[in-house]
């Protein structure tokens, strides 16, 4: 079976106002167990606009190894209708990780709580992604 495409969906918008709003929420968040966007913490280290070198290396390793076909990172305001409908119809909460194999629909791989548990560690995130995709490949 072909490797799935992975979608990392951020709890932020891509617009300038979205970035400013996210920054404000991040700086004023007092609940460290429930980050504003745990996916942002994993890929960008929190408030940076650039991906961390650790994330870039982990992402390249996951794609180069064939575990996933591609990783798309999308903000809430960048979702295509299929993804938007999937998220809304299931009452899912941002951030999250979804997967799709060729010829199959979308499936949820990680919730916002799952992502928060990694505390921004891209290596731990990738290890768990490999485990979930390897253990449930037939579900995709």
N, C-alpha and C. Protein backbone atom coordinates (compact mmCIF):
# COMPACT_ATOMS: atom_id res chain seq x y z
N UNK A 1 0.83 -1.18 0.00
CA UNK A 1 0.00 0.00 0.00
C UNK A 1 0.88 1.24 0.00
N UNK A 2 0.48 2.25 -0.76
CA UNK A 2 1.25 3.49 -0.86
C UNK A 2 1.24 4.24 0.47
N UNK A 3 2.30 4.98 0.68
CA UNK A 3 2.42 5.78 1.90
C UNK A 3 1.35 6.88 1.90
N UNK A 4 0.81 7.20 3.05
CA UNK A 4 -0.22 8.24 3.12
C UNK A 4 0.36 9.65 3.04
N UNK A 5 -0.49 10.59 2.69
CA UNK A 5 -0.16 12.00 2.78
C UNK A 5 -0.59 12.45 4.17
N UNK A 6 0.26 13.21 4.83
CA UNK A 6 -0.01 13.67 6.18
C UNK A 6 -0.36 15.15 6.15
N UNK A 7 -1.37 15.55 6.90
CA UNK A 7 -1.77 16.94 7.01
C UNK A 7 -1.65 17.38 8.45
N UNK A 8 -0.82 18.38 8.70
CA UNK A 8 -0.71 18.98 10.02
C UNK A 8 -1.52 20.26 9.96
N UNK A 9 -2.56 20.33 10.76
CA UNK A 9 -3.46 21.48 10.75
C UNK A 9 -3.25 22.32 12.00
N UNK A 10 -2.85 23.57 11.77
CA UNK A 10 -2.53 24.49 12.87
C UNK A 10 -3.77 25.15 13.45
N UNK A 11 -3.68 25.54 14.70
CA UNK A 11 -4.73 26.31 15.38
C UNK A 11 -4.41 27.79 15.24
N UNK A 12 -4.27 28.22 13.99
CA UNK A 12 -3.94 29.61 13.68
C UNK A 12 -4.31 29.86 12.23
N UNK A 13 -4.45 31.13 11.89
CA UNK A 13 -4.70 31.52 10.51
C UNK A 13 -3.41 32.03 9.89
N UNK A 14 -3.30 31.93 8.58
CA UNK A 14 -2.08 32.30 7.87
C UNK A 14 -1.97 33.81 7.61
N UNK A 15 -3.06 34.54 7.75
CA UNK A 15 -3.05 35.98 7.47
C UNK A 15 -2.19 36.72 8.49
N UNK A 16 -1.85 37.96 8.18
CA UNK A 16 -1.08 38.79 9.11
C UNK A 16 -1.84 38.95 10.42
N UNK A 17 -3.14 39.22 10.32
CA UNK A 17 -3.95 39.35 11.53
C UNK A 17 -4.02 38.02 12.30
N UNK A 18 -4.05 36.92 11.56
CA UNK A 18 -4.05 35.62 12.19
C UNK A 18 -2.79 35.37 12.98
N UNK A 19 -1.66 35.75 12.39
CA UNK A 19 -0.37 35.58 13.07
C UNK A 19 -0.29 36.47 14.32
N UNK A 20 -0.77 37.69 14.20
CA UNK A 20 -0.76 38.60 15.35
C UNK A 20 -1.68 38.08 16.46
N UNK A 21 -2.85 37.60 16.08
CA UNK A 21 -3.79 37.04 17.05
C UNK A 21 -3.19 35.82 17.74
N UNK A 22 -2.55 34.95 16.96
CA UNK A 22 -1.91 33.77 17.54
C UNK A 22 -0.82 34.18 18.53
N UNK A 23 0.01 35.15 18.13
CA UNK A 23 1.08 35.62 19.01
C UNK A 23 0.56 36.14 20.33
N UNK A 24 -0.51 36.92 20.26
CA UNK A 24 -1.12 37.45 21.48
C UNK A 24 -1.64 36.31 22.37
N UNK A 25 -2.36 35.38 21.76
CA UNK A 25 -2.91 34.25 22.54
C UNK A 25 -1.78 33.41 23.14
N UNK A 26 -0.71 33.22 22.39
CA UNK A 26 0.43 32.43 22.86
C UNK A 26 1.10 33.11 24.06
N UNK A 27 1.29 34.43 23.95
CA UNK A 27 1.96 35.16 25.02
C UNK A 27 1.12 35.29 26.29
N UNK A 28 -0.19 35.26 26.15
CA UNK A 28 -1.06 35.43 27.32
C UNK A 28 -1.61 34.11 27.86
N UNK A 29 -1.27 32.99 27.22
CA UNK A 29 -1.76 31.68 27.67
C UNK A 29 -1.09 31.30 28.99
N UNK A 30 -1.89 31.01 29.99
CA UNK A 30 -1.36 30.64 31.30
C UNK A 30 -1.40 29.13 31.53
N UNK A 31 -2.09 28.40 30.67
CA UNK A 31 -2.23 26.95 30.83
C UNK A 31 -1.17 26.24 29.97
N UNK A 32 -0.04 25.95 30.57
CA UNK A 32 1.07 25.34 29.83
C UNK A 32 0.78 23.91 29.39
N UNK A 33 -0.21 23.26 30.01
CA UNK A 33 -0.59 21.91 29.60
C UNK A 33 -1.49 21.93 28.37
N UNK A 34 -2.04 23.08 28.02
CA UNK A 34 -2.93 23.23 26.87
C UNK A 34 -2.40 24.39 26.02
N UNK A 35 -1.36 24.13 25.21
CA UNK A 35 -0.78 25.22 24.43
C UNK A 35 -1.76 25.77 23.39
N UNK A 36 -1.52 26.99 22.97
CA UNK A 36 -2.36 27.65 21.97
C UNK A 36 -2.39 26.83 20.69
N UNK A 37 -1.22 26.35 20.25
CA UNK A 37 -1.15 25.46 19.09
C UNK A 37 0.05 24.54 19.26
N UNK A 38 -0.22 23.33 19.71
CA UNK A 38 0.84 22.36 19.94
C UNK A 38 1.55 21.98 18.64
N UNK A 39 0.85 22.04 17.51
CA UNK A 39 1.50 21.76 16.22
C UNK A 39 2.52 22.84 15.90
N UNK A 40 2.20 24.10 16.19
CA UNK A 40 3.16 25.20 15.99
C UNK A 40 4.40 25.00 16.86
N UNK A 41 4.18 24.55 18.10
CA UNK A 41 5.30 24.30 19.00
C UNK A 41 6.23 23.22 18.43
N UNK A 42 5.66 22.20 17.82
CA UNK A 42 6.46 21.10 17.25
C UNK A 42 7.22 21.56 16.01
N UNK A 43 6.56 22.27 15.13
CA UNK A 43 7.18 22.61 13.84
C UNK A 43 7.96 23.93 13.84
N UNK A 44 7.54 24.88 14.66
CA UNK A 44 8.15 26.20 14.64
C UNK A 44 8.73 26.64 15.99
N UNK A 45 8.61 25.79 16.99
CA UNK A 45 9.15 26.15 18.29
C UNK A 45 8.33 27.22 19.00
N UNK A 46 7.11 27.42 18.59
CA UNK A 46 6.25 28.40 19.26
C UNK A 46 5.95 29.61 18.42
N UNK A 47 6.66 30.70 18.64
CA UNK A 47 6.33 31.96 17.99
C UNK A 47 7.12 32.26 16.72
N UNK A 48 8.08 31.47 16.38
CA UNK A 48 8.89 31.73 15.20
C UNK A 48 8.06 31.55 13.92
N UNK A 49 8.37 32.35 12.91
CA UNK A 49 7.72 32.20 11.61
C UNK A 49 8.43 31.15 10.76
N UNK A 50 9.61 30.74 11.19
CA UNK A 50 10.39 29.75 10.46
C UNK A 50 10.35 28.40 11.16
N UNK A 51 10.36 27.33 10.37
CA UNK A 51 10.43 25.99 10.94
C UNK A 51 11.78 25.78 11.62
N UNK A 52 11.79 25.03 12.71
CA UNK A 52 13.05 24.74 13.39
C UNK A 52 13.86 23.74 12.57
N UNK A 53 15.15 23.75 12.78
CA UNK A 53 16.03 22.80 12.08
C UNK A 53 15.70 21.37 12.50
N UNK A 54 15.30 21.18 13.77
CA UNK A 54 14.93 19.84 14.25
C UNK A 54 13.70 19.33 13.51
N UNK A 55 12.72 20.21 13.29
CA UNK A 55 11.52 19.82 12.56
C UNK A 55 11.85 19.51 11.11
N UNK A 56 12.65 20.36 10.48
CA UNK A 56 13.00 20.14 9.07
C UNK A 56 13.68 18.78 8.90
N UNK A 57 14.58 18.44 9.81
CA UNK A 57 15.29 17.16 9.73
C UNK A 57 14.33 15.99 9.97
N UNK A 58 13.46 16.11 10.96
CA UNK A 58 12.52 15.03 11.26
C UNK A 58 11.54 14.84 10.10
N UNK A 59 11.06 15.93 9.53
CA UNK A 59 10.12 15.87 8.41
C UNK A 59 10.78 15.22 7.18
N UNK A 60 12.00 15.62 6.89
CA UNK A 60 12.72 15.04 5.75
C UNK A 60 12.94 13.55 5.95
N UNK A 61 13.27 13.15 7.17
CA UNK A 61 13.49 11.73 7.46
C UNK A 61 12.22 10.92 7.26
N UNK A 62 11.10 11.45 7.69
CA UNK A 62 9.82 10.75 7.55
C UNK A 62 9.44 10.56 6.08
N UNK A 63 9.66 11.59 5.28
CA UNK A 63 9.34 11.51 3.84
C UNK A 63 10.38 10.65 3.11
N UNK A 64 11.65 10.88 3.38
CA UNK A 64 12.72 10.13 2.71
C UNK A 64 12.65 8.62 3.00
N UNK A 65 12.19 8.26 4.18
CA UNK A 65 12.09 6.84 4.55
C UNK A 65 10.89 6.16 3.90
N UNK A 66 9.99 6.95 3.32
CA UNK A 66 8.81 6.39 2.68
C UNK A 66 7.66 6.14 3.64
N UNK A 67 7.79 6.58 4.90
CA UNK A 67 6.71 6.40 5.87
C UNK A 67 5.47 7.21 5.48
N UNK A 68 5.72 8.39 4.89
CA UNK A 68 4.64 9.21 4.35
C UNK A 68 5.05 9.71 2.97
N UNK A 69 4.06 9.95 2.14
CA UNK A 69 4.31 10.45 0.78
C UNK A 69 4.72 11.91 0.82
N UNK A 70 4.00 12.67 1.63
CA UNK A 70 4.21 14.11 1.71
C UNK A 70 3.60 14.60 3.01
N UNK A 71 4.12 15.73 3.52
CA UNK A 71 3.55 16.37 4.70
C UNK A 71 3.12 17.76 4.29
N UNK A 72 1.83 18.04 4.45
CA UNK A 72 1.31 19.38 4.18
C UNK A 72 0.94 20.02 5.51
N UNK A 73 1.42 21.22 5.71
CA UNK A 73 1.14 21.97 6.92
C UNK A 73 0.21 23.12 6.54
N UNK A 74 -0.98 23.12 7.14
CA UNK A 74 -2.01 24.08 6.76
C UNK A 74 -2.57 24.82 7.97
N UNK A 75 -2.85 26.09 7.76
CA UNK A 75 -3.54 26.88 8.77
C UNK A 75 -5.05 26.73 8.57
N UNK A 76 -5.83 27.12 9.57
CA UNK A 76 -7.29 26.97 9.51
C UNK A 76 -7.89 27.63 8.27
N UNK A 77 -7.33 28.75 7.84
CA UNK A 77 -7.89 29.48 6.69
C UNK A 77 -7.32 29.00 5.35
N UNK A 78 -6.59 27.89 5.34
CA UNK A 78 -6.02 27.36 4.11
C UNK A 78 -6.59 25.99 3.72
N UNK A 79 -7.61 25.54 4.41
CA UNK A 79 -8.15 24.20 4.20
C UNK A 79 -8.99 24.12 2.93
N UNK A 80 -8.79 23.03 2.18
CA UNK A 80 -9.66 22.82 1.02
C UNK A 80 -11.01 22.31 1.52
N UNK A 81 -12.04 22.34 0.68
CA UNK A 81 -13.38 21.96 1.13
C UNK A 81 -13.47 20.55 1.73
N UNK A 82 -12.73 19.60 1.18
CA UNK A 82 -12.78 18.23 1.71
C UNK A 82 -12.29 18.17 3.15
N UNK A 83 -11.16 18.81 3.41
CA UNK A 83 -10.59 18.79 4.76
C UNK A 83 -11.48 19.58 5.71
N UNK A 84 -11.94 20.74 5.27
CA UNK A 84 -12.81 21.57 6.10
C UNK A 84 -14.08 20.80 6.49
N UNK A 85 -14.68 20.13 5.54
CA UNK A 85 -15.89 19.35 5.81
C UNK A 85 -15.59 18.19 6.77
N UNK A 86 -14.48 17.50 6.58
CA UNK A 86 -14.09 16.39 7.45
C UNK A 86 -13.96 16.87 8.90
N UNK A 87 -13.26 17.97 9.09
CA UNK A 87 -13.04 18.52 10.43
C UNK A 87 -14.37 18.94 11.06
N UNK A 88 -15.17 19.68 10.32
CA UNK A 88 -16.44 20.18 10.87
C UNK A 88 -17.43 19.06 11.14
N UNK A 89 -17.55 18.11 10.22
CA UNK A 89 -18.55 17.05 10.38
C UNK A 89 -18.24 16.12 11.55
N UNK A 90 -17.00 16.06 11.97
CA UNK A 90 -16.61 15.20 13.08
C UNK A 90 -16.39 15.98 14.38
N UNK A 91 -16.56 17.28 14.32
CA UNK A 91 -16.39 18.10 15.51
C UNK A 91 -14.97 18.09 16.05
N UNK A 92 -13.98 17.99 15.16
CA UNK A 92 -12.58 17.93 15.58
C UNK A 92 -12.09 19.33 15.97
N UNK A 93 -11.07 19.37 16.83
CA UNK A 93 -10.52 20.63 17.33
C UNK A 93 -9.09 20.81 16.85
N UNK A 94 -8.76 22.03 16.48
CA UNK A 94 -7.41 22.38 16.05
C UNK A 94 -6.51 22.50 17.27
N UNK A 95 -5.23 22.19 17.12
CA UNK A 95 -4.54 21.59 15.96
C UNK A 95 -4.81 20.09 15.92
N UNK A 96 -4.43 19.48 14.81
CA UNK A 96 -4.62 18.04 14.63
C UNK A 96 -3.75 17.55 13.49
N UNK A 97 -3.68 16.23 13.35
CA UNK A 97 -2.99 15.60 12.23
C UNK A 97 -3.98 14.65 11.56
N UNK A 98 -4.10 14.77 10.24
CA UNK A 98 -4.94 13.90 9.44
C UNK A 98 -4.05 13.17 8.44
N UNK A 99 -4.57 12.08 7.90
CA UNK A 99 -3.84 11.34 6.86
C UNK A 99 -4.82 10.95 5.76
N UNK A 100 -4.27 10.78 4.55
CA UNK A 100 -5.07 10.30 3.42
C UNK A 100 -4.17 9.47 2.51
N UNK A 101 -4.63 8.28 2.20
CA UNK A 101 -3.97 7.43 1.22
C UNK A 101 -4.67 7.63 -0.11
N UNK A 102 -3.96 7.35 -1.20
CA UNK A 102 -4.57 7.45 -2.52
C UNK A 102 -5.81 6.57 -2.58
N UNK A 103 -6.90 7.13 -3.08
CA UNK A 103 -8.13 6.37 -3.21
C UNK A 103 -8.93 6.22 -1.93
N UNK A 104 -8.41 6.74 -0.82
CA UNK A 104 -9.12 6.64 0.46
C UNK A 104 -9.47 8.03 0.95
N UNK A 105 -10.38 8.07 1.86
CA UNK A 105 -10.73 9.34 2.47
C UNK A 105 -9.76 9.72 3.57
N UNK A 106 -10.09 10.78 4.23
CA UNK A 106 -9.27 11.27 5.33
C UNK A 106 -9.53 10.46 6.60
N UNK A 107 -8.54 10.43 7.46
CA UNK A 107 -8.68 9.83 8.77
C UNK A 107 -7.90 10.68 9.77
N UNK A 108 -8.39 10.72 11.00
CA UNK A 108 -7.71 11.46 12.05
C UNK A 108 -6.59 10.60 12.62
N UNK A 109 -5.41 11.18 12.74
CA UNK A 109 -4.24 10.47 13.26
C UNK A 109 -3.89 10.94 14.67
N UNK A 110 -3.97 12.24 14.91
CA UNK A 110 -3.65 12.80 16.23
C UNK A 110 -4.56 13.98 16.53
N UNK A 111 -4.98 14.05 17.78
CA UNK A 111 -5.82 15.15 18.25
C UNK A 111 -4.97 16.27 18.84
N UNK A 112 -5.62 17.35 19.22
CA UNK A 112 -4.89 18.45 19.85
C UNK A 112 -4.27 18.00 21.18
N UNK A 113 -4.96 17.14 21.92
CA UNK A 113 -4.40 16.62 23.18
C UNK A 113 -3.18 15.74 22.92
N UNK A 114 -3.25 14.92 21.86
CA UNK A 114 -2.10 14.09 21.50
C UNK A 114 -0.88 14.97 21.21
N UNK A 115 -1.10 16.02 20.43
CA UNK A 115 0.00 16.91 20.05
C UNK A 115 0.57 17.64 21.26
N UNK A 116 -0.29 18.07 22.17
CA UNK A 116 0.17 18.78 23.37
C UNK A 116 1.10 17.91 24.21
N UNK A 117 0.88 16.61 24.20
CA UNK A 117 1.69 15.69 25.01
C UNK A 117 3.16 15.67 24.58
N UNK A 118 3.46 16.08 23.35
CA UNK A 118 4.85 16.07 22.86
C UNK A 118 5.64 17.26 23.35
N UNK A 119 4.98 18.26 23.90
CA UNK A 119 5.64 19.45 24.45
C UNK A 119 6.66 20.05 23.48
N UNK A 120 6.29 20.10 22.20
CA UNK A 120 7.14 20.74 21.19
C UNK A 120 8.27 19.90 20.65
N UNK A 121 8.36 18.62 21.01
CA UNK A 121 9.47 17.76 20.60
C UNK A 121 9.16 17.07 19.25
N UNK A 122 9.79 17.54 18.16
CA UNK A 122 9.51 16.93 16.85
C UNK A 122 9.94 15.47 16.73
N UNK A 123 11.00 15.08 17.44
CA UNK A 123 11.46 13.69 17.37
C UNK A 123 10.43 12.75 18.00
N UNK A 124 9.90 13.14 19.15
CA UNK A 124 8.88 12.32 19.81
C UNK A 124 7.61 12.26 18.96
N UNK A 125 7.26 13.38 18.34
CA UNK A 125 6.11 13.42 17.44
C UNK A 125 6.30 12.44 16.29
N UNK A 126 7.46 12.49 15.64
CA UNK A 126 7.72 11.62 14.49
C UNK A 126 7.74 10.15 14.90
N UNK A 127 8.28 9.86 16.06
CA UNK A 127 8.29 8.48 16.53
C UNK A 127 6.86 7.96 16.68
N UNK A 128 6.00 8.78 17.24
CA UNK A 128 4.61 8.37 17.42
C UNK A 128 3.87 8.29 16.08
N UNK A 129 4.17 9.19 15.15
CA UNK A 129 3.57 9.12 13.81
C UNK A 129 3.94 7.80 13.15
N UNK A 130 5.21 7.44 13.21
CA UNK A 130 5.66 6.17 12.62
C UNK A 130 4.91 4.99 13.25
N UNK A 131 4.77 5.04 14.57
CA UNK A 131 4.07 3.97 15.28
C UNK A 131 2.62 3.88 14.84
N UNK A 132 1.95 5.01 14.79
CA UNK A 132 0.54 5.01 14.42
C UNK A 132 0.31 4.61 12.97
N UNK A 133 1.17 5.06 12.09
CA UNK A 133 1.01 4.70 10.68
C UNK A 133 1.38 3.24 10.46
N UNK A 134 2.41 2.78 11.14
CA UNK A 134 2.82 1.39 10.98
C UNK A 134 1.84 0.42 11.61
N UNK A 135 1.27 0.81 12.74
CA UNK A 135 0.35 -0.06 13.44
C UNK A 135 -1.06 -0.02 12.87
N UNK A 136 -1.37 1.01 12.11
CA UNK A 136 -2.73 1.14 11.59
C UNK A 136 -2.73 1.46 10.10
N UNK A 137 -1.68 1.05 9.40
CA UNK A 137 -1.57 1.36 7.97
C UNK A 137 -2.80 0.92 7.20
N UNK A 138 -3.38 -0.22 7.56
CA UNK A 138 -4.53 -0.71 6.84
C UNK A 138 -5.76 0.17 7.01
N UNK A 139 -5.75 1.01 8.05
CA UNK A 139 -6.89 1.90 8.28
C UNK A 139 -6.90 3.06 7.29
N UNK A 140 -5.80 3.29 6.61
CA UNK A 140 -5.73 4.44 5.70
C UNK A 140 -6.15 4.02 4.33
